[in-house]
C-alpha atoms as a PDB file:
ATOM      1  CA  MET A   1     -38.301  57.755  88.507  1.00  0.00           C
ATOM      2  CA  THR A   2     -34.976  56.948  86.976  1.00  0.00           C
ATOM      3  CA  THR A   3     -34.461  56.388  83.345  1.00  0.00           C
ATOM      4  CA  THR A   4     -31.726  54.401  81.826  1.00  0.00           C
ATOM      5  CA  THR A   5     -30.176  55.385  78.619  1.00  0.00           C
ATOM      6  CA  PRO A   6     -29.016  52.730  76.314  1.00  0.00           C
ATOM      7  CA  PRO A   7     -25.307  52.517  75.772  1.00  0.00           C
ATOM      8  CA  ALA A   8     -24.127  54.435  72.803  1.00  0.00           C
ATOM      9  CA  THR A   9     -23.473  52.205  69.880  1.00  0.00           C
ATOM     10  CA  THR A  10     -20.086  52.732  68.479  1.00  0.00           C
ATOM     11  CA  ALA A  11     -19.742  52.832  64.803  1.00  0.00           C
ATOM     12  CA  PRO A  12     -17.481  50.095  63.425  1.00  0.00           C
ATOM     13  CA  LYS A  13     -14.012  51.314  62.724  1.00  0.00           C
ATOM     14  CA  ALA A  14     -13.415  52.076  59.220  1.00  0.00           C
ATOM     15  CA  THR A  15     -11.266  49.510  57.705  1.00  0.00           C
ATOM     16  CA  ALA A  16      -8.972  50.172  54.900  1.00  0.00           C
ATOM     17  CA  ALA A  17     -10.550  49.389  51.578  1.00  0.00           C
ATOM     18  CA  GLU A  18      -9.722  45.984  50.403  1.00  0.00           C
ATOM     19  CA  PRO A  19      -7.805  46.082  47.190  1.00  0.00           C
ATOM     20  CA  THR A  20     -10.124  45.138  44.297  1.00  0.00           C
ATOM     21  CA  PRO A  21      -8.730  42.035  42.525  1.00  0.00           C
ATOM     22  CA  ARG A  22      -6.956  43.064  39.383  1.00  0.00           C
ATOM     23  CA  ARG A  23      -8.563  41.763  36.292  1.00  0.00           C
ATOM     24  CA  THR A  24      -6.176  39.596  34.510  1.00  0.00           C
ATOM     25  CA  ARG A  25      -6.675  39.586  30.738  1.00  0.00           C
ATOM     26  CA  HIS A  26      -6.819  36.068  29.428  1.00  0.00           C
ATOM     27  CA  ARG A  27      -4.197  35.933  26.823  1.00  0.00           C
ATOM     28  CA  SER A  28      -5.124  34.245  23.641  1.00  0.00           C
ATOM     29  CA  ARG A  29      -3.452  30.863  23.118  1.00  0.00           C
ATOM     30  CA  ARG A  30      -2.950  31.726  19.506  1.00  0.00           C
ATOM     31  CA  SER A  31       0.597  31.867  18.243  1.00  0.00           C
ATOM     32  CA  THR A  32       1.212  33.529  15.024  1.00  0.00           C
ATOM     33  CA  PRO A  33       4.466  31.511  14.209  1.00  0.00           C
ATOM     34  CA  LEU A  34       2.679  28.259  15.148  1.00  0.00           C
ATOM     35  CA  THR A  35      -0.314  29.094  12.952  1.00  0.00           C
ATOM     36  CA  ILE A  36       1.969  29.901  10.062  1.00  0.00           C
ATOM     37  CA  ALA A  37       3.911  26.602  10.566  1.00  0.00           C
ATOM     38  CA  MET A  38       0.656  24.626  10.683  1.00  0.00           C
ATOM     39  CA  LEU A  39      -0.638  26.188   7.529  1.00  0.00           C
ATOM     40  CA  ALA A  40       2.669  25.492   5.842  1.00  0.00           C
ATOM     41  CA  ALA A  41       2.485  21.899   6.877  1.00  0.00           C
ATOM     42  CA  LEU A  42      -1.099  21.681   5.714  1.00  0.00           C
ATOM     43  CA  GLY A  43      -0.132  23.107   2.286  1.00  0.00           C
ATOM     44  CA  TYR A  44       2.776  20.689   2.091  1.00  0.00           C
ATOM     45  CA  PHE A  45       0.521  17.727   2.440  1.00  0.00           C
ATOM     46  CA  LEU A  46      -2.403  19.038   0.325  1.00  0.00           C
ATOM     47  CA  LEU A  47      -0.450  20.436  -2.558  1.00  0.00           C
ATOM     48  CA  PRO A  48       0.426  17.080  -4.129  1.00  0.00           C
ATOM     49  CA  LEU A  49      -3.197  15.942  -3.775  1.00  0.00           C
ATOM     50  CA  CYS A  50      -4.410  19.136  -5.433  1.00  0.00           C
ATOM     51  CA  TRP A  51      -1.911  18.654  -8.268  1.00  0.00           C
ATOM     52  CA  LEU A  52      -3.083  15.028  -8.688  1.00  0.00           C
ATOM     53  CA  LEU A  53      -6.757  16.098  -8.822  1.00  0.00           C
ATOM     54  CA  ILE A  54      -6.069  18.844 -11.417  1.00  0.00           C
ATOM     55  CA  ALA A  55      -3.658  16.734 -13.527  1.00  0.00           C
ATOM     56  CA  SER A  56      -6.222  13.947 -13.718  1.00  0.00           C
ATOM     57  CA  THR A  57      -8.425  16.260 -15.886  1.00  0.00           C
ATOM     58  CA  LYS A  58      -5.678  16.810 -18.519  1.00  0.00           C
ATOM     59  CA  SER A  59      -4.448  15.011 -21.537  1.00  0.00           C
ATOM     60  CA  THR A  60      -0.762  14.004 -21.781  1.00  0.00           C
ATOM     61  CA  GLN A  61      -0.070  17.064 -23.960  1.00  0.00           C
ATOM     62  CA  ASP A  62      -1.784  19.394 -21.514  1.00  0.00           C
ATOM     63  CA  LEU A  63       0.240  17.986 -18.628  1.00  0.00           C
ATOM     64  CA  PHE A  64       3.361  19.481 -20.207  1.00  0.00           C
ATOM     65  CA  ASN A  65       1.871  22.623 -21.943  1.00  0.00           C
ATOM     66  CA  SER A  66      -0.345  24.007 -19.125  1.00  0.00           C
ATOM     67  CA  PHE A  67       0.205  25.334 -15.636  1.00  0.00           C
ATOM     68  CA  GLY A  68       0.411  22.461 -13.125  1.00  0.00           C
ATOM     69  CA  LEU A  69      -1.930  23.871 -10.564  1.00  0.00           C
ATOM     70  CA  TRP A  70      -4.714  25.003 -12.846  1.00  0.00           C
ATOM     71  CA  PHE A  71      -7.106  23.354 -15.238  1.00  0.00           C
ATOM     72  CA  SER A  72      -6.613  23.169 -18.966  1.00  0.00           C
ATOM     73  CA  HIS A  73      -9.035  24.640 -21.544  1.00  0.00           C
ATOM     74  CA  ALA A  74     -10.551  21.286 -22.223  1.00  0.00           C
ATOM     75  CA  PRO A  75     -10.913  19.185 -19.033  1.00  0.00           C
ATOM     76  CA  GLN A  76     -11.378  15.516 -19.749  1.00  0.00           C
ATOM     77  CA  LEU A  77     -11.601  13.756 -16.383  1.00  0.00           C
ATOM     78  CA  LEU A  78     -14.478  11.426 -17.408  1.00  0.00           C
ATOM     79  CA  THR A  79     -12.618  10.462 -20.617  1.00  0.00           C
ATOM     80  CA  ASN A  80      -9.445   9.641 -18.634  1.00  0.00           C
ATOM     81  CA  VAL A  81     -11.395   7.580 -16.084  1.00  0.00           C
ATOM     82  CA  LYS A  82     -13.100   5.611 -18.858  1.00  0.00           C
ATOM     83  CA  GLU A  83      -9.851   4.929 -20.729  1.00  0.00           C
ATOM     84  CA  THR A  84      -8.091   3.923 -17.447  1.00  0.00           C
ATOM     85  CA  PHE A  85     -10.699   1.259 -16.805  1.00  0.00           C
ATOM     86  CA  THR A  86     -10.694  -0.030 -20.389  1.00  0.00           C
ATOM     87  CA  GLN A  87      -6.934   0.102 -21.083  1.00  0.00           C
ATOM     88  CA  ASP A  88      -5.404  -3.374 -21.687  1.00  0.00           C
ATOM     89  CA  ASP A  89      -8.777  -5.154 -21.485  1.00  0.00           C
ATOM     90  CA  GLY A  90      -9.611  -3.609 -18.066  1.00  0.00           C
ATOM     91  CA  VAL A  91      -6.419  -4.769 -16.288  1.00  0.00           C
ATOM     92  CA  PHE A  92      -6.716  -1.748 -13.951  1.00  0.00           C
ATOM     93  CA  VAL A  93      -9.764  -3.238 -12.315  1.00  0.00           C
ATOM     94  CA  HIS A  94      -7.870  -6.507 -11.805  1.00  0.00           C
ATOM     95  CA  TRP A  95      -4.980  -4.680 -10.195  1.00  0.00           C
ATOM     96  CA  LEU A  96      -7.396  -2.814  -7.938  1.00  0.00           C
ATOM     97  CA  LEU A  97      -8.998  -6.101  -6.779  1.00  0.00           C
ATOM     98  CA  ASN A  98      -5.565  -7.601  -6.194  1.00  0.00           C
ATOM     99  CA  THR A  99      -4.553  -4.627  -4.075  1.00  0.00           C
ATOM    100  CA  ALA A 100      -7.855  -4.837  -2.055  1.00  0.00           C
ATOM    101  CA  LEU A 101      -7.260  -8.574  -1.396  1.00  0.00           C
ATOM    102  CA  TYR A 102      -3.655  -8.142  -0.280  1.00  0.00           C
ATOM    103  CA  ALA A 103      -4.466  -5.055   1.868  1.00  0.00           C
ATOM    104  CA  VAL A 104      -7.672  -6.261   3.533  1.00  0.00           C
ATOM    105  CA  VAL A 105      -6.358  -9.791   4.392  1.00  0.00           C
ATOM    106  CA  SER A 106      -3.037  -8.376   5.703  1.00  0.00           C
ATOM    107  CA  ALA A 107      -4.713  -5.669   7.758  1.00  0.00           C
ATOM    108  CA  LEU A 108      -7.193  -8.078   9.354  1.00  0.00           C
ATOM    109  CA  GLY A 109      -4.457 -10.678  10.149  1.00  0.00           C
ATOM    110  CA  ALA A 110      -2.023  -8.057  11.424  1.00  0.00           C
ATOM    111  CA  ALA A 111      -4.535  -6.411  13.709  1.00  0.00           C
ATOM    112  CA  LEU A 112      -5.568  -9.712  15.163  1.00  0.00           C
ATOM    113  CA  LEU A 113      -1.975 -10.834  15.729  1.00  0.00           C
ATOM    114  CA  ALA A 114      -1.004  -7.454  17.179  1.00  0.00           C
ATOM    115  CA  ALA A 115      -3.947  -7.474  19.572  1.00  0.00           C
ATOM    116  CA  ALA A 116      -3.094 -11.011  20.755  1.00  0.00           C
ATOM    117  CA  GLY A 117       0.583 -10.202  21.263  1.00  0.00           C
ATOM    118  CA  GLY A 118      -0.007  -6.825  22.855  1.00  0.00           C
ATOM    119  CA  TYR A 119      -2.569  -8.363  25.239  1.00  0.00           C
ATOM    120  CA  GLY A 120      -0.205 -11.136  26.112  1.00  0.00           C
ATOM    121  CA  PHE A 121       2.601  -8.736  26.875  1.00  0.00           C
ATOM    122  CA  ALA A 122       0.385  -6.414  28.925  1.00  0.00           C
ATOM    123  CA  LYS A 123      -1.563  -8.958  31.088  1.00  0.00           C
ATOM    124  CA  PHE A 124       0.775 -11.970  31.501  1.00  0.00           C
ATOM    125  CA  ARG A 125       4.257 -12.250  33.127  1.00  0.00           C
ATOM    126  CA  PHE A 126       6.670 -14.920  32.044  1.00  0.00           C
ATOM    127  CA  ARG A 127      10.389 -15.433  32.000  1.00  0.00           C
ATOM    128  CA  GLY A 128      12.045 -13.293  29.391  1.00  0.00           C
ATOM    129  CA  ASP A 129       9.041 -11.073  28.749  1.00  0.00           C
ATOM    130  CA  ARG A 130      11.037  -7.888  28.969  1.00  0.00           C
ATOM    131  CA  LEU A 131      13.695  -9.261  26.643  1.00  0.00           C
ATOM    132  CA  ALA A 132      11.047 -10.269  24.117  1.00  0.00           C
ATOM    133  CA  PHE A 133       9.329  -6.914  24.197  1.00  0.00           C
ATOM    134  CA  ASN A 134      12.676  -5.162  23.718  1.00  0.00           C
ATOM    135  CA  LEU A 135      13.299  -7.279  20.706  1.00  0.00           C
ATOM    136  CA  VAL A 136       9.911  -6.096  19.314  1.00  0.00           C
ATOM    137  CA  LEU A 137      10.899  -2.524  19.927  1.00  0.00           C
ATOM    138  CA  GLY A 138      14.217  -3.264  18.110  1.00  0.00           C
ATOM    139  CA  ALA A 139      12.311  -4.625  15.135  1.00  0.00           C
ATOM    140  CA  VAL A 140      10.485  -1.312  14.814  1.00  0.00           C
ATOM    141  CA  MET A 141      13.721   0.324  13.876  1.00  0.00           C
ATOM    142  CA  VAL A 142      14.575  -2.125  11.112  1.00  0.00           C
ATOM    143  CA  PRO A 143      13.484  -0.791   7.731  1.00  0.00           C
ATOM    144  CA  THR A 144      11.322  -3.193   5.762  1.00  0.00           C
ATOM    145  CA  THR A 145      13.446  -2.736   2.650  1.00  0.00           C
ATOM    146  CA  ALA A 146      16.394  -4.165   4.452  1.00  0.00           C
ATOM    147  CA  LEU A 147      14.443  -7.428   4.957  1.00  0.00           C
ATOM    148  CA  ALA A 148      13.074  -7.616   1.404  1.00  0.00           C
ATOM    149  CA  ILE A 149      15.989  -9.665  -0.133  1.00  0.00           C
ATOM    150  CA  PRO A 150      16.158 -12.149   2.785  1.00  0.00           C
ATOM    151  CA  THR A 151      12.413 -12.556   2.627  1.00  0.00           C
ATOM    152  CA  TYR A 152      12.569 -13.207  -1.093  1.00  0.00           C
ATOM    153  CA  LEU A 153      15.224 -15.932  -0.678  1.00  0.00           C
ATOM    154  CA  LEU A 154      13.246 -17.564   2.113  1.00  0.00           C
ATOM    155  CA  PHE A 155      10.026 -17.535   0.149  1.00  0.00           C
ATOM    156  CA  ALA A 156      11.855 -18.848  -2.993  1.00  0.00           C
ATOM    157  CA  LYS A 157      12.921 -21.915  -1.046  1.00  0.00           C
ATOM    158  CA  ALA A 158       9.355 -22.345   0.196  1.00  0.00           C
ATOM    159  CA  GLY A 159       7.899 -22.008  -3.285  1.00  0.00           C
ATOM    160  CA  LEU A 160       5.748 -18.925  -2.416  1.00  0.00           C
ATOM    161  CA  VAL A 161       7.209 -16.499  -4.788  1.00  0.00           C
ATOM    162  CA  ASN A 162       4.808 -15.174  -7.419  1.00  0.00           C
ATOM    163  CA  THR A 163       1.812 -16.044  -5.269  1.00  0.00           C
ATOM    164  CA  PRO A 164      -0.478 -13.872  -3.163  1.00  0.00           C
ATOM    165  CA  TRP A 165       1.016 -15.267   0.034  1.00  0.00           C
ATOM    166  CA  ALA A 166       4.364 -13.645  -0.887  1.00  0.00           C
ATOM    167  CA  ILE A 167       2.710 -10.241  -0.228  1.00  0.00           C
ATOM    168  CA  ILE A 168       0.295 -11.244   2.550  1.00  0.00           C
ATOM    169  CA  LEU A 169       2.481 -13.123   4.917  1.00  0.00           C
ATOM    170  CA  PRO A 170       5.258 -10.462   5.444  1.00  0.00           C
ATOM    171  CA  SER A 171       2.491  -7.879   5.988  1.00  0.00           C
ATOM    172  CA  LEU A 172       1.070  -9.868   8.915  1.00  0.00           C
ATOM    173  CA  VAL A 173       4.042  -9.025  11.065  1.00  0.00           C
ATOM    174  CA  ASN A 174       3.662  -5.467  12.509  1.00  0.00           C
ATOM    175  CA  PRO A 175       6.002  -4.671  15.362  1.00  0.00           C
ATOM    176  CA  PHE A 176       4.754  -1.116  15.778  1.00  0.00           C
ATOM    177  CA  GLY A 177       1.103  -2.487  15.916  1.00  0.00           C
ATOM    178  CA  LEU A 178       2.115  -4.963  18.610  1.00  0.00           C
ATOM    179  CA  TYR A 179       3.863  -2.169  20.589  1.00  0.00           C
ATOM    180  CA  LEU A 180       0.754   0.031  20.175  1.00  0.00           C
ATOM    181  CA  MET A 181      -1.574  -2.674  21.300  1.00  0.00           C
ATOM    182  CA  ARG A 182       0.519  -3.513  24.325  1.00  0.00           C
ATOM    183  CA  ILE A 183       0.255   0.099  25.553  1.00  0.00           C
ATOM    184  CA  TYR A 184      -3.503   0.220  24.758  1.00  0.00           C
ATOM    185  CA  ALA A 185      -4.300  -3.075  26.351  1.00  0.00           C
ATOM    186  CA  ALA A 186      -2.517  -2.206  29.613  1.00  0.00           C
ATOM    187  CA  ASP A 187      -5.190   0.543  30.315  1.00  0.00           C
ATOM    188  CA  ALA A 188      -8.207  -0.580  28.281  1.00  0.00           C
ATOM    189  CA  VAL A 189      -8.577  -4.104  29.819  1.00  0.00           C
ATOM    190  CA  PRO A 190      -9.048  -3.895  33.674  1.00  0.00           C
ATOM    191  CA  ASP A 191      -7.316  -6.662  35.654  1.00  0.00           C
ATOM    192  CA  SER A 192     -10.329  -6.958  37.874  1.00  0.00           C
ATOM    193  CA  LEU A 193     -12.515  -7.784  34.923  1.00  0.00           C
ATOM    194  CA  LEU A 194     -10.179 -10.622  33.865  1.00  0.00           C
ATOM    195  CA  GLU A 195     -10.071 -11.960  37.376  1.00  0.00           C
ATOM    196  CA  ALA A 196     -13.837 -11.980  37.587  1.00  0.00           C
ATOM    197  CA  ALA A 197     -14.034 -13.862  34.368  1.00  0.00           C
ATOM    198  CA  ARG A 198     -11.496 -16.462  35.537  1.00  0.00           C
ATOM    199  CA  ILE A 199     -13.455 -16.976  38.772  1.00  0.00           C
ATOM    200  CA  ASP A 200     -16.556 -17.636  36.711  1.00  0.00           C
ATOM    201  CA  GLY A 201     -14.684 -20.377  34.925  1.00  0.00           C
ATOM    202  CA  ALA A 202     -13.873 -18.776  31.621  1.00  0.00           C
ATOM    203  CA  GLY A 203     -10.737 -19.916  29.785  1.00  0.00           C
ATOM    204  CA  GLU A 204      -8.091 -17.564  28.585  1.00  0.00           C
ATOM    205  CA  ALA A 205      -9.036 -17.929  24.966  1.00  0.00           C
ATOM    206  CA  ARG A 206     -12.658 -17.131  25.702  1.00  0.00           C
ATOM    207  CA  ILE A 207     -11.616 -14.204  27.818  1.00  0.00           C
ATOM    208  CA  PHE A 208      -9.536 -12.783  24.968  1.00  0.00           C
ATOM    209  CA  PHE A 209     -12.126 -13.219  22.196  1.00  0.00           C
ATOM    210  CA  ARG A 210     -15.274 -12.418  24.185  1.00  0.00           C
ATOM    211  CA  ILE A 211     -14.078  -9.685  26.546  1.00  0.00           C
ATOM    212  CA  ALA A 212     -10.624  -8.282  25.772  1.00  0.00           C
ATOM    213  CA  LEU A 213     -11.042  -8.081  21.972  1.00  0.00           C
ATOM    214  CA  ARG A 214     -14.178  -5.898  22.405  1.00  0.00           C
ATOM    215  CA  LEU A 215     -12.409  -3.492  24.705  1.00  0.00           C
ATOM    216  CA  LEU A 216      -9.475  -3.307  22.294  1.00  0.00           C
ATOM    217  CA  GLY A 217     -11.697  -2.186  19.434  1.00  0.00           C
ATOM    218  CA  PRO A 218     -10.145   1.374  18.875  1.00  0.00           C
ATOM    219  CA  GLY A 219      -6.690   0.069  19.051  1.00  0.00           C
ATOM    220  CA  LEU A 220      -7.569  -2.747  16.628  1.00  0.00           C
ATOM    221  CA  VAL A 221      -8.924  -0.182  14.080  1.00  0.00           C
ATOM    222  CA  THR A 222      -5.810   1.912  14.409  1.00  0.00           C
ATOM    223  CA  VAL A 223      -3.545  -1.014  13.660  1.00  0.00           C
ATOM    224  CA  LEU A 224      -5.851  -2.180  10.822  1.00  0.00           C
ATOM    225  CA  LEU A 225      -5.800   1.191   9.128  1.00  0.00           C
ATOM    226  CA  PHE A 226      -2.010   1.507   9.458  1.00  0.00           C
ATOM    227  CA  THR A 227      -1.440  -1.870   8.008  1.00  0.00           C
ATOM    228  CA  LEU A 228      -4.099  -1.315   5.297  1.00  0.00           C
ATOM    229  CA  VAL A 229      -2.351   1.821   4.061  1.00  0.00           C
ATOM    230  CA  ALA A 230       1.133   0.328   4.266  1.00  0.00           C
ATOM    231  CA  THR A 231       0.113  -2.767   2.224  1.00  0.00           C
ATOM    232  CA  TRP A 232      -1.911  -0.644  -0.231  1.00  0.00           C
ATOM    233  CA  ASN A 233       1.029   1.601  -0.927  1.00  0.00           C
ATOM    234  CA  ASN A 234       3.657  -1.164  -0.875  1.00  0.00           C
ATOM    235  CA  TYR A 235       5.765  -1.123  -4.067  1.00  0.00           C
ATOM    236  CA  PHE A 236       9.191  -2.669  -3.396  1.00  0.00           C
ATOM    237  CA  LEU A 237       7.992  -6.035  -1.958  1.00  0.00           C
ATOM    238  CA  PRO A 238       5.569  -6.849  -4.802  1.00  0.00           C
ATOM    239  CA  LEU A 239       8.104  -5.697  -7.322  1.00  0.00           C
ATOM    240  CA  ILE A 240      10.661  -8.382  -6.304  1.00  0.00           C
ATOM    241  CA  MET A 241       8.023 -11.062  -5.424  1.00  0.00           C
ATOM    242  CA  LEU A 242       5.707 -10.989  -8.383  1.00  0.00           C
ATOM    243  CA  ASN A 243       6.398 -11.398 -12.093  1.00  0.00           C
ATOM    244  CA  ASP A 244       2.865 -12.205 -13.259  1.00  0.00           C
ATOM    245  CA  PRO A 245       1.062  -9.084 -14.433  1.00  0.00           C
ATOM    246  CA  ASN A 246      -2.248 -10.676 -13.281  1.00  0.00           C
ATOM    247  CA  LEU A 247      -0.949 -10.661  -9.682  1.00  0.00           C
ATOM    248  CA  TYR A 248       0.316  -7.047  -9.724  1.00  0.00           C
ATOM    249  CA  PRO A 249      -1.033  -4.607  -7.088  1.00  0.00           C
ATOM    250  CA  ILE A 250      -1.953  -1.185  -8.328  1.00  0.00           C
ATOM    251  CA  THR A 251       1.457   0.346  -7.427  1.00  0.00           C
ATOM    252  CA  VAL A 252       3.434  -2.139  -9.604  1.00  0.00           C
ATOM    253  CA  GLY A 253       0.829  -1.971 -12.367  1.00  0.00           C
ATOM    254  CA  LEU A 254       0.865   1.786 -12.664  1.00  0.00           C
ATOM    255  CA  ALA A 255       4.662   1.709 -12.623  1.00  0.00           C
ATOM    256  CA  SER A 256       4.561  -0.660 -15.629  1.00  0.00           C
ATOM    257  CA  TRP A 257       2.195   1.809 -17.503  1.00  0.00           C
ATOM    258  CA  ALA A 258       4.596   4.576 -16.699  1.00  0.00           C
ATOM    259  CA  ALA A 259       7.467   2.549 -18.147  1.00  0.00           C
ATOM    260  CA  GLN A 260       5.378   1.933 -21.298  1.00  0.00           C
ATOM    261  CA  ALA A 261       4.579   5.623 -21.572  1.00  0.00           C
ATOM    262  CA  GLN A 262       8.321   6.544 -21.404  1.00  0.00           C
ATOM    263  CA  ASN A 263       9.554   3.757 -23.568  1.00  0.00           C
ATOM    264  CA  GLY A 264       6.623   3.490 -25.981  1.00  0.00           C
ATOM    265  CA  GLY A 265       6.254  -0.301 -25.421  1.00  0.00           C
ATOM    266  CA  ALA A 266       3.541  -2.409 -26.944  1.00  0.00           C
ATOM    267  CA  GLY A 267       0.095  -1.550 -26.035  1.00  0.00           C
ATOM    268  CA  ALA A 268       1.022   1.980 -24.963  1.00  0.00           C
ATOM    269  CA  SER A 269      -1.520   4.603 -25.987  1.00  0.00           C
ATOM    270  CA  SER A 270      -0.852   8.230 -26.846  1.00  0.00           C
ATOM    271  CA  ASP A 271      -2.382   9.334 -23.431  1.00  0.00           C
ATOM    272  CA  MET A 272      -0.738   6.602 -21.345  1.00  0.00           C
ATOM    273  CA  LEU A 273       0.864   9.134 -18.995  1.00  0.00           C
ATOM    274  CA  ALA A 274      -2.483  10.806 -18.335  1.00  0.00           C
ATOM    275  CA  LEU A 275      -3.923   7.288 -17.538  1.00  0.00           C
ATOM    276  CA  VAL A 276      -1.138   6.798 -15.024  1.00  0.00           C
ATOM    277  CA  VAL A 277      -2.048  10.048 -13.259  1.00  0.00           C
ATOM    278  CA  THR A 278      -5.819   9.279 -13.382  1.00  0.00           C
ATOM    279  CA  GLY A 279      -5.078   5.792 -12.065  1.00  0.00           C
ATOM    280  CA  SER A 280      -3.095   7.264  -9.163  1.00  0.00           C
ATOM    281  CA  LEU A 281      -6.070   9.422  -8.236  1.00  0.00           C
ATOM    282  CA  LEU A 282      -8.482   6.538  -8.365  1.00  0.00           C
ATOM    283  CA  SER A 283      -6.171   4.373  -6.201  1.00  0.00           C
ATOM    284  CA  ILE A 284      -6.456   6.727  -3.231  1.00  0.00           C
ATOM    285  CA  VAL A 285     -10.202   6.876  -3.176  1.00  0.00           C
ATOM    286  CA  PRO A 286     -10.672   3.562  -1.229  1.00  0.00           C
ATOM    287  CA  LEU A 287      -8.184   4.783   1.361  1.00  0.00           C
ATOM    288  CA  VAL A 288     -10.001   8.049   1.832  1.00  0.00           C
ATOM    289  CA  VAL A 289     -13.336   6.239   2.218  1.00  0.00           C
ATOM    290  CA  ALA A 290     -11.820   3.875   4.730  1.00  0.00           C
ATOM    291  CA  PHE A 291     -10.418   6.673   6.875  1.00  0.00           C
ATOM    292  CA  LEU A 292     -13.689   8.678   6.822  1.00  0.00           C
ATOM    293  CA  MET A 293     -15.614   5.632   7.935  1.00  0.00           C
ATOM    294  CA  LEU A 294     -13.261   4.584  10.709  1.00  0.00           C
ATOM    295  CA  GLN A 295     -11.854   7.877  11.849  1.00  0.00           C
ATOM    296  CA  ARG A 296     -13.722   8.036  15.133  1.00  0.00           C
ATOM    297  CA  TYR A 297     -12.187   4.640  16.131  1.00  0.00           C
ATOM    298  CA  TRP A 298      -8.602   5.224  15.119  1.00  0.00           C
ATOM    299  CA  GLN A 299      -8.475   8.772  16.572  1.00  0.00           C
ATOM    300  CA  SER A 300      -9.482   7.490  20.005  1.00  0.00           C
ATOM    301  CA  GLY A 301      -7.028   4.640  19.681  1.00  0.00           C
ATOM    302  CA  LEU A 302      -4.153   6.872  19.030  1.00  0.00           C
ATOM    303  CA  ALA A 303      -5.217   9.167  21.912  1.00  0.00           C
ATOM    304  CA  ALA A 304      -5.443   6.189  24.241  1.00  0.00           C
ATOM    305  CA  GLY A 305      -2.022   4.998  23.225  1.00  0.00           C
ATOM    306  CA  GLY A 306      -0.482   8.224  24.581  1.00  0.00           C
ATOM    307  CA  ILE A 307      -2.405   8.681  27.734  1.00  0.00           C
ATOM    308  CA  LYS A 308      -1.705   6.894  31.031  1.00  0.00           C
ATOM    309  CA  GLN A 309      -4.899   6.480  32.986  1.00  0.00           C
END
């Protein structure tokens, strides 16, 4: 009887040990110089606001006799607020309402016009469209103060000086807002959606107001906020357009109070300068509230304006 022996199994050749992957240490993206620069920029923007908040708690005498970035021994914020609202028969409230009227109407109108113009430049092609858009870009570079005197002469011939329209109509034209809405509409409104609406028989006006305008919401809010802030803080245009104190916005009104405090004019109180500071603090509260309420919209609008999808 023969026996067969199984073939000897050969052990696998020892291979050289594979090099273990080197662990790479993820470097932190923090940059000390960049952090310092950001903190410096934050302090630069917050320091005036902190000074304004602290100065609003002081009397006129304490404004000059105490350290600017710290409270006085006898804070009187509530007293200053009360005197601000009651000075000159409550004219501060009238100025505040005037400013709200000018800013809100201008912001709504400018946002709607910018949306219509930006949508038109983004979705329609016509002869001279590039030239027209380049003219819009050129208008962005023209400072508004350079157009103030020509605007005044034009409105004087039209009989609109010393009326609310002298503030509202120039604020409706926002070249930067139109440029921003053109970029936003190019990506936010799909061409296929517009073609489907046209096939279903919808007119261009209905497509814009029922479809495109809803998709342009974040961009609309961004333009609205920019125009709201610009009109709210506008000083030079109301200064040359208005001479009736009952039509003053809050910027020109507070400037007139400051002039009374320096010159000692009629109706000036001993704490007039403190009232100017307190009025300045109260004037920024509506803007802060508007930004807090609409920040999620305007942040997405700004981001979409800089991203090509």
